[in-house]
Amino acid sequence: MASNAAAPFWRSAGMTYITYSNLCANLVRKCLKEPYKSEALSREKVHYSISKWVDGKPQKPTIRSDSPVE
């Protein structure tokens, strides 16, 4: 039986676990020395596609490539 008395500190701070883990990952990446820092930052880029649906059918997807804002 789990107790709610000891909530994780990230939850007590009003964050979700994803937000907390992203914050920690960014801090680690910024602390790295070269060449590891540039390698880690290059892996941070995000690629995805977006498809709009019209009348129950997907339209041609739009491919996006975003990198996080510092």
PDB file of N, CA and C in Angstrom:
ATOM      1  N   MET A   1       0.838  -1.178   0.000  1.00  0.00           N
ATOM      2  CA  MET A   1       0.000   0.000   0.000  1.00  0.00           C
ATOM      3  C   MET A   1       0.882   1.240   0.000  1.00  0.00           C
ATOM      4  N   ALA A   2       0.698   2.103  -0.952  1.00  0.00           N
ATOM      5  CA  ALA A   2       1.515   3.308  -1.080  1.00  0.00           C
ATOM      6  C   ALA A   2       0.940   4.436  -0.242  1.00  0.00           C
ATOM      7  N   SER A   3       1.828   5.245   0.277  1.00  0.00           N
ATOM      8  CA  SER A   3       1.426   6.389   1.076  1.00  0.00           C
ATOM      9  C   SER A   3       1.657   7.664   0.291  1.00  0.00           C
ATOM     10  N   ASN A   4       0.739   8.604   0.405  1.00  0.00           N
ATOM     11  CA  ASN A   4       0.891   9.894  -0.271  1.00  0.00           C
ATOM     12  C   ASN A   4       1.667  10.887   0.580  1.00  0.00           C
ATOM     13  N   ALA A   5       2.111  10.476   1.765  1.00  0.00           N
ATOM     14  CA  ALA A   5       2.810  11.386   2.672  1.00  0.00           C
ATOM     15  C   ALA A   5       4.145  11.846   2.089  1.00  0.00           C
ATOM     16  N   ALA A   6       4.847  10.969   1.398  1.00  0.00           N
ATOM     17  CA  ALA A   6       6.155  11.320   0.851  1.00  0.00           C
ATOM     18  C   ALA A   6       6.054  11.461  -0.663  1.00  0.00           C
ATOM     19  N   ALA A   7       5.562  12.600  -1.120  1.00  0.00           N
ATOM     20  CA  ALA A   7       5.447  12.847  -2.558  1.00  0.00           C
ATOM     21  C   ALA A   7       6.824  13.185  -3.120  1.00  0.00           C
ATOM     22  N   PRO A   8       7.076  12.808  -4.376  1.00  0.00           N
ATOM     23  CA  PRO A   8       8.359  13.174  -4.985  1.00  0.00           C
ATOM     24  C   PRO A   8       8.513  14.692  -5.015  1.00  0.00           C
ATOM     25  N   PHE A   9       9.764  15.165  -4.881  1.00  0.00           N
ATOM     26  CA  PHE A   9       9.983  16.608  -4.801  1.00  0.00           C
ATOM     27  C   PHE A   9       9.596  17.326  -6.078  1.00  0.00           C
ATOM     28  N   TRP A  10       9.713  16.657  -7.246  1.00  0.00           N
ATOM     29  CA  TRP A  10       9.312  17.306  -8.488  1.00  0.00           C
ATOM     30  C   TRP A  10       7.811  17.521  -8.520  1.00  0.00           C
ATOM     31  N   ARG A  11       7.061  16.596  -7.896  1.00  0.00           N
ATOM     32  CA  ARG A  11       5.604  16.756  -7.818  1.00  0.00           C
ATOM     33  C   ARG A  11       5.260  17.882  -6.846  1.00  0.00           C
ATOM     34  N   SER A  12       5.995  17.962  -5.734  1.00  0.00           N
ATOM     35  CA  SER A  12       5.763  19.026  -4.748  1.00  0.00           C
ATOM     36  C   SER A  12       6.056  20.397  -5.340  1.00  0.00           C
ATOM     37  N   ALA A  13       6.978  20.444  -6.311  1.00  0.00           N
ATOM     38  CA  ALA A  13       7.316  21.712  -6.961  1.00  0.00           C
ATOM     39  C   ALA A  13       6.321  22.073  -8.055  1.00  0.00           C
ATOM     40  N   GLY A  14       5.326  21.216  -8.296  1.00  0.00           N
ATOM     41  CA  GLY A  14       4.308  21.511  -9.300  1.00  0.00           C
ATOM     42  C   GLY A  14       4.698  21.113 -10.704  1.00  0.00           C
ATOM     43  N   MET A  15       5.673  20.209 -10.850  1.00  0.00           N
ATOM     44  CA  MET A  15       6.121  19.768 -12.173  1.00  0.00           C
ATOM     45  C   MET A  15       5.622  18.359 -12.453  1.00  0.00           C
ATOM     46  N   THR A  16       5.553  18.027 -13.731  1.00  0.00           N
ATOM     47  CA  THR A  16       5.316  16.636 -14.112  1.00  0.00           C
ATOM     48  C   THR A  16       6.682  15.953 -14.193  1.00  0.00           C
ATOM     49  N   TYR A  17       6.687  14.637 -14.253  1.00  0.00           N
ATOM     50  CA  TYR A  17       7.954  13.917 -14.334  1.00  0.00           C
ATOM     51  C   TYR A  17       8.673  14.233 -15.644  1.00  0.00           C
ATOM     52  N   ILE A  18       7.925  14.395 -16.730  1.00  0.00           N
ATOM     53  CA  ILE A  18       8.529  14.722 -18.023  1.00  0.00           C
ATOM     54  C   ILE A  18       9.233  16.076 -17.950  1.00  0.00           C
ATOM     55  N   THR A  19       8.591  17.064 -17.345  1.00  0.00           N
ATOM     56  CA  THR A  19       9.195  18.383 -17.194  1.00  0.00           C
ATOM     57  C   THR A  19      10.473  18.291 -16.365  1.00  0.00           C
ATOM     58  N   TYR A  20      10.411  17.536 -15.267  1.00  0.00           N
ATOM     59  CA  TYR A  20      11.574  17.357 -14.406  1.00  0.00           C
ATOM     60  C   TYR A  20      12.717  16.662 -15.145  1.00  0.00           C
ATOM     61  N   SER A  21      12.413  15.610 -15.877  1.00  0.00           N
ATOM     62  CA  SER A  21      13.463  14.875 -16.570  1.00  0.00           C
ATOM     63  C   SER A  21      14.064  15.712 -17.705  1.00  0.00           C
ATOM     64  N   ASN A  22      13.250  16.516 -18.396  1.00  0.00           N
ATOM     65  CA  ASN A  22      13.780  17.415 -19.435  1.00  0.00           C
ATOM     66  C   ASN A  22      14.693  18.480 -18.834  1.00  0.00           C
ATOM     67  N   LEU A  23      14.326  19.005 -17.684  1.00  0.00           N
ATOM     68  CA  LEU A  23      15.149  19.992 -17.001  1.00  0.00           C
ATOM     69  C   LEU A  23      16.500  19.389 -16.620  1.00  0.00           C
ATOM     70  N   CYS A  24      16.477  18.190 -16.053  1.00  0.00           N
ATOM     71  CA  CYS A  24      17.726  17.516 -15.677  1.00  0.00           C
ATOM     72  C   CYS A  24      18.592  17.211 -16.899  1.00  0.00           C
ATOM     73  N   ALA A  25      17.977  16.757 -17.979  1.00  0.00           N
ATOM     74  CA  ALA A  25      18.730  16.442 -19.192  1.00  0.00           C
ATOM     75  C   ALA A  25      19.391  17.690 -19.764  1.00  0.00           C
ATOM     76  N   ASN A  26      18.688  18.813 -19.764  1.00  0.00           N
ATOM     77  CA  ASN A  26      19.263  20.063 -20.261  1.00  0.00           C
ATOM     78  C   ASN A  26      20.445  20.510 -19.406  1.00  0.00           C
ATOM     79  N   LEU A  27      20.335  20.354 -18.092  1.00  0.00           N
ATOM     80  CA  LEU A  27      21.438  20.725 -17.205  1.00  0.00           C
ATOM     81  C   LEU A  27      22.666  19.858 -17.463  1.00  0.00           C
ATOM     82  N   VAL A  28      22.463  18.575 -17.662  1.00  0.00           N
ATOM     83  CA  VAL A  28      23.583  17.674 -17.933  1.00  0.00           C
ATOM     84  C   VAL A  28      24.243  18.032 -19.267  1.00  0.00           C
ATOM     85  N   ARG A  29      23.434  18.296 -20.304  1.00  0.00           N
ATOM     86  CA  ARG A  29      23.988  18.652 -21.613  1.00  0.00           C
ATOM     87  C   ARG A  29      24.824  19.924 -21.544  1.00  0.00           C
ATOM     88  N   LYS A  30      24.369  20.904 -20.760  1.00  0.00           N
ATOM     89  CA  LYS A  30      25.093  22.168 -20.648  1.00  0.00           C
ATOM     90  C   LYS A  30      26.389  22.021 -19.853  1.00  0.00           C
ATOM     91  N   CYS A  31      26.501  21.011 -19.004  1.00  0.00           N
ATOM     92  CA  CYS A  31      27.703  20.802 -18.196  1.00  0.00           C
ATOM     93  C   CYS A  31      28.775  20.007 -18.928  1.00  0.00           C
ATOM     94  N   LEU A  32      28.439  19.393 -20.042  1.00  0.00           N
ATOM     95  CA  LEU A  32      29.413  18.588 -20.775  1.00  0.00           C
ATOM     96  C   LEU A  32      30.487  19.451 -21.410  1.00  0.00           C
ATOM     97  N   LYS A  33      31.674  18.875 -21.559  1.00  0.00           N
ATOM     98  CA  LYS A  33      32.766  19.558 -22.259  1.00  0.00           C
ATOM     99  C   LYS A  33      32.769  19.111 -23.706  1.00  0.00           C
ATOM    100  N   GLU A  34      33.411  19.916 -24.552  1.00  0.00           N
ATOM    101  CA  GLU A  34      33.545  19.562 -25.968  1.00  0.00           C
ATOM    102  C   GLU A  34      34.453  18.352 -26.091  1.00  0.00           C
ATOM    103  N   PRO A  35      34.255  17.470 -27.017  1.00  0.00           N
ATOM    104  CA  PRO A  35      33.298  17.423 -28.122  1.00  0.00           C
ATOM    105  C   PRO A  35      31.960  16.801 -27.724  1.00  0.00           C
ATOM    106  N   TYR A  36      31.831  16.348 -26.481  1.00  0.00           N
ATOM    107  CA  TYR A  36      30.613  15.660 -26.052  1.00  0.00           C
ATOM    108  C   TYR A  36      29.405  16.596 -26.023  1.00  0.00           C
ATOM    109  N   LYS A  37      29.644  17.862 -25.719  1.00  0.00           N
ATOM    110  CA  LYS A  37      28.552  18.825 -25.645  1.00  0.00           C
ATOM    111  C   LYS A  37      27.887  19.020 -27.004  1.00  0.00           C
ATOM    112  N   SER A  38      28.678  19.222 -28.053  1.00  0.00           N
ATOM    113  CA  SER A  38      28.105  19.431 -29.384  1.00  0.00           C
ATOM    114  C   SER A  38      27.418  18.165 -29.893  1.00  0.00           C
ATOM    115  N   GLU A  39      27.948  16.986 -29.547  1.00  0.00           N
ATOM    116  CA  GLU A  39      27.295  15.735 -29.943  1.00  0.00           C
ATOM    117  C   GLU A  39      25.935  15.594 -29.266  1.00  0.00           C
ATOM    118  N   ALA A  40      25.872  15.909 -27.978  1.00  0.00           N
ATOM    119  CA  ALA A  40      24.617  15.801 -27.238  1.00  0.00           C
ATOM    120  C   ALA A  40      23.590  16.814 -27.751  1.00  0.00           C
ATOM    121  N   LEU A  41      24.038  18.021 -28.060  1.00  0.00           N
ATOM    122  CA  LEU A  41      23.119  19.036 -28.575  1.00  0.00           C
ATOM    123  C   LEU A  41      22.593  18.684 -29.955  1.00  0.00           C
ATOM    124  N   SER A  42      23.404  17.995 -30.771  1.00  0.00           N
ATOM    125  CA  SER A  42      22.934  17.602 -32.097  1.00  0.00           C
ATOM    126  C   SER A  42      21.868  16.508 -32.006  1.00  0.00           C
ATOM    127  N   ARG A  43      21.913  15.679 -30.973  1.00  0.00           N
ATOM    128  CA  ARG A  43      20.896  14.636 -30.779  1.00  0.00           C
ATOM    129  C   ARG A  43      19.606  15.194 -30.205  1.00  0.00           C
ATOM    130  N   GLU A  44      19.611  16.452 -29.795  1.00  0.00           N
ATOM    131  CA  GLU A  44      18.452  17.073 -29.178  1.00  0.00           C
ATOM    132  C   GLU A  44      17.409  17.521 -30.205  1.00  0.00           C
ATOM    133  N   LYS A  45      17.765  17.529 -31.487  1.00  0.00           N
ATOM    134  CA  LYS A  45      16.844  17.970 -32.528  1.00  0.00           C
ATOM    135  C   LYS A  45      15.656  17.013 -32.638  1.00  0.00           C
ATOM    136  N   VAL A  46      14.507  17.571 -33.008  1.00  0.00           N
ATOM    137  CA  VAL A  46      13.269  16.808 -33.093  1.00  0.00           C
ATOM    138  C   VAL A  46      12.745  16.855 -34.529  1.00  0.00           C
ATOM    139  N   HIS A  47      12.386  15.703 -35.066  1.00  0.00           N
ATOM    140  CA  HIS A  47      11.802  15.599 -36.401  1.00  0.00           C
ATOM    141  C   HIS A  47      10.451  14.902 -36.280  1.00  0.00           C
ATOM    142  N   TYR A  48       9.423  15.478 -36.885  1.00  0.00           N
ATOM    143  CA  TYR A  48       8.098  14.870 -36.841  1.00  0.00           C
ATOM    144  C   TYR A  48       7.278  15.331 -38.040  1.00  0.00           C
ATOM    145  N   SER A  49       6.170  14.632 -38.281  1.00  0.00           N
ATOM    146  CA  SER A  49       5.295  15.022 -39.379  1.00  0.00           C
ATOM    147  C   SER A  49       3.887  15.280 -38.843  1.00  0.00           C
ATOM    148  N   ILE A  50       3.200  16.194 -39.504  1.00  0.00           N
ATOM    149  CA  ILE A  50       1.841  16.571 -39.131  1.00  0.00           C
ATOM    150  C   ILE A  50       0.938  16.316 -40.325  1.00  0.00           C
ATOM    151  N   SER A  51      -0.166  15.625 -40.091  1.00  0.00           N
ATOM    152  CA  SER A  51      -1.153  15.384 -41.151  1.00  0.00           C
ATOM    153  C   SER A  51      -2.500  15.932 -40.706  1.00  0.00           C
ATOM    154  N   LYS A  52      -3.108  16.749 -41.547  1.00  0.00           N
ATOM    155  CA  LYS A  52      -4.468  17.217 -41.284  1.00  0.00           C
ATOM    156  C   LYS A  52      -5.435  16.186 -41.838  1.00  0.00           C
ATOM    157  N   TRP A  53      -6.546  16.022 -41.154  1.00  0.00           N
ATOM    158  CA  TRP A  53      -7.571  15.064 -41.580  1.00  0.00           C
ATOM    159  C   TRP A  53      -8.782  15.827 -42.086  1.00  0.00           C
ATOM    160  N   VAL A  54      -9.255  15.467 -43.292  1.00  0.00           N
ATOM    161  CA  VAL A  54     -10.433  16.076 -43.883  1.00  0.00           C
ATOM    162  C   VAL A  54     -11.356  14.954 -44.333  1.00  0.00           C
ATOM    163  N   ASP A  55     -12.588  14.998 -43.869  1.00  0.00           N
ATOM    164  CA  ASP A  55     -13.595  13.979 -44.196  1.00  0.00           C
ATOM    165  C   ASP A  55     -13.112  12.567 -43.864  1.00  0.00           C
ATOM    166  N   GLY A  56     -12.407  12.418 -42.746  1.00  0.00           N
ATOM    167  CA  GLY A  56     -11.960  11.100 -42.297  1.00  0.00           C
ATOM    168  C   GLY A  56     -10.756  10.541 -43.025  1.00  0.00           C
ATOM    169  N   LYS A  57     -10.102  11.368 -43.869  1.00  0.00           N
ATOM    170  CA  LYS A  57      -8.935  10.903 -44.609  1.00  0.00           C
ATOM    171  C   LYS A  57      -7.756  11.836 -44.346  1.00  0.00           C
ATOM    172  N   PRO A  58      -6.556  11.267 -44.165  1.00  0.00           N
ATOM    173  CA  PRO A  58      -5.395  12.128 -43.922  1.00  0.00           C
ATOM    174  C   PRO A  58      -4.941  12.822 -45.206  1.00  0.00           C
ATOM    175  N   GLN A  59      -4.562  14.068 -45.062  1.00  0.00           N
ATOM    176  CA  GLN A  59      -4.018  14.827 -46.187  1.00  0.00           C
ATOM    177  C   GLN A  59      -2.511  14.611 -46.242  1.00  0.00           C
ATOM    178  N   LYS A  60      -1.857  15.228 -47.195  1.00  0.00           N
ATOM    179  CA  LYS A  60      -0.409  15.082 -47.339  1.00  0.00           C
ATOM    180  C   LYS A  60       0.286  15.588 -46.067  1.00  0.00           C
ATOM    181  N   PRO A  61       1.190  14.771 -45.486  1.00  0.00           N
ATOM    182  CA  PRO A  61       1.851  15.196 -44.245  1.00  0.00           C
ATOM    183  C   PRO A  61       2.871  16.318 -44.469  1.00  0.00           C
ATOM    184  N   THR A  62       3.003  17.152 -43.459  1.00  0.00           N
ATOM    185  CA  THR A  62       4.003  18.213 -43.445  1.00  0.00           C
ATOM    186  C   THR A  62       5.112  17.766 -42.506  1.00  0.00           C
ATOM    187  N   ILE A  63       6.336  17.717 -42.985  1.00  0.00           N
ATOM    188  CA  ILE A  63       7.460  17.282 -42.169  1.00  0.00           C
ATOM    189  C   ILE A  63       8.096  18.497 -41.519  1.00  0.00           C
ATOM    190  N   ARG A  64       8.267  18.422 -40.191  1.00  0.00           N
ATOM    191  CA  ARG A  64       8.839  19.517 -39.419  1.00  0.00           C
ATOM    192  C   ARG A  64      10.151  19.080 -38.801  1.00  0.00           C
ATOM    193  N   SER A  65      11.042  19.994 -38.608  1.00  0.00           N
ATOM    194  CA  SER A  65      12.305  19.745 -37.924  1.00  0.00           C
ATOM    195  C   SER A  65      12.559  20.926 -37.009  1.00  0.00           C
ATOM    196  N   ASP A  66      12.415  20.709 -35.730  1.00  0.00           N
ATOM    197  CA  ASP A  66      12.594  21.787 -34.755  1.00  0.00           C
ATOM    198  C   ASP A  66      13.711  21.418 -33.798  1.00  0.00           C
ATOM    199  N   SER A  67      14.423  22.419 -33.332  1.00  0.00           N
ATOM    200  CA  SER A  67      15.395  22.218 -32.270  1.00  0.00           C
ATOM    201  C   SER A  67      14.943  23.062 -31.086  1.00  0.00           C
ATOM    202  N   PRO A  68      15.181  22.597 -29.870  1.00  0.00           N
ATOM    203  CA  PRO A  68      14.726  23.324 -28.686  1.00  0.00           C
ATOM    204  C   PRO A  68      15.329  24.719 -28.590  1.00  0.00           C
ATOM    205  N   VAL A  69      14.572  25.614 -28.000  1.00  0.00           N
ATOM    206  CA  VAL A  69      15.002  26.986 -27.809  1.00  0.00           C
ATOM    207  C   VAL A  69      15.808  27.045 -26.515  1.00  0.00           C
ATOM    208  N   GLU A  70      16.941  27.729 -26.554  1.00  0.00           N
ATOM    209  CA  GLU A  70      17.766  27.852 -25.347  1.00  0.00           C
ATOM    210  C   GLU A  70      17.395  29.076 -24.572  1.00  0.00           C
TER     211      GLU A  70
END
